[in-house]
Protein backbone atom coordinates (compact mmCIF):
# COMPACT_ATOMS: atom_id res chain seq x y z
CA UNK A 1 0.00 0.00 0.00
CA UNK A 2 2.85 2.32 0.86
CA UNK A 3 4.58 1.82 -2.50
CA UNK A 4 1.35 2.61 -4.32
CA UNK A 5 1.00 5.98 -2.60
CA UNK A 6 4.68 6.72 -3.28
CA UNK A 7 4.20 5.85 -6.95
CA UNK A 8 1.16 8.10 -7.15
CA UNK A 9 3.13 10.88 -5.50
CA UNK A 10 5.88 10.53 -8.11
CA UNK A 11 3.33 10.56 -10.95
CA UNK A 12 1.64 13.62 -9.46
CA UNK A 13 4.99 15.41 -9.19
CA UNK A 14 5.79 14.51 -12.81
CA UNK A 15 2.48 15.94 -13.97
CA UNK A 16 3.09 19.15 -12.01
CA UNK A 17 6.54 19.52 -13.59
CA UNK A 18 5.02 18.95 -17.03
CA UNK A 19 2.39 21.63 -16.39
CA UNK A 20 5.00 24.09 -15.07
CA UNK A 21 7.18 23.58 -18.14
CA UNK A 22 4.16 23.95 -20.45
CA UNK A 23 3.10 27.19 -18.75
CA UNK A 24 6.64 28.58 -18.91
CA UNK A 25 6.82 27.67 -22.60
CA UNK A 26 3.53 29.48 -23.21
CA UNK A 27 4.82 32.55 -21.39
CA UNK A 28 8.06 32.34 -23.34
CA UNK A 29 6.14 32.23 -26.63
CA UNK A 30 3.94 35.18 -25.64
CA UNK A 31 6.95 37.25 -24.56
CA UNK A 32 8.80 36.30 -27.74
CA UNK A 33 6.10 37.38 -30.17
CA UNK A 34 5.60 40.70 -28.36
CA UNK A 35 9.24 41.70 -28.81
CA UNK A 36 10.04 42.02 -25.12
CA UNK A 37 13.65 42.45 -24.02
CA UNK A 38 15.71 39.31 -24.49
CA UNK A 39 16.67 39.39 -20.81
CA UNK A 40 13.15 38.18 -19.99
CA UNK A 41 13.51 35.28 -22.43
CA UNK A 42 16.86 34.38 -20.89
CA UNK A 43 15.34 34.42 -17.40
CA UNK A 44 12.52 32.11 -18.49
CA UNK A 45 14.99 29.78 -20.22
CA UNK A 46 17.15 29.59 -17.10
CA UNK A 47 14.10 28.89 -14.95
CA UNK A 48 13.05 26.07 -17.28
CA UNK A 49 16.58 24.66 -17.23
CA UNK A 50 16.57 24.71 -13.43
CA UNK A 51 13.28 22.78 -13.35
CA UNK A 52 14.63 20.18 -15.77
CA UNK A 53 17.90 19.81 -13.86
CA UNK A 54 16.12 19.53 -10.52
CA UNK A 55 13.49 17.02 -11.56
CA UNK A 56 14.82 14.96 -14.47
CA UNK A 57 18.52 14.93 -13.63
CA UNK A 58 17.98 14.29 -9.90
CA UNK A 59 20.68 16.77 -8.95
CA UNK A 60 19.80 16.80 -5.24
CA UNK A 61 20.61 13.08 -4.94
CA UNK A 62 24.28 13.94 -5.35
CA UNK A 63 24.22 16.05 -2.21
CA UNK A 64 22.35 13.58 0.01
CA UNK A 65 24.20 11.34 2.39
CA UNK A 66 24.31 7.59 1.71
CA UNK A 67 21.84 6.85 4.52
CA UNK A 68 19.07 8.79 2.79
CA UNK A 69 19.29 6.83 -0.50
């Protein structure tokens, strides 16, 4: 039972990350077609990269101790 709730939690987190990336892409498109300063586009791109690194590359696992794995 516990593994099922953990699996559902992981799926839920994956869906949230997907939605966040989709919303950021929509914002990026809107900003891009309205000729906003490129600094805003860079900021959005860096934010998206941070989300991808955090979730898909599991960066925080590197910094955990062995006992937490």
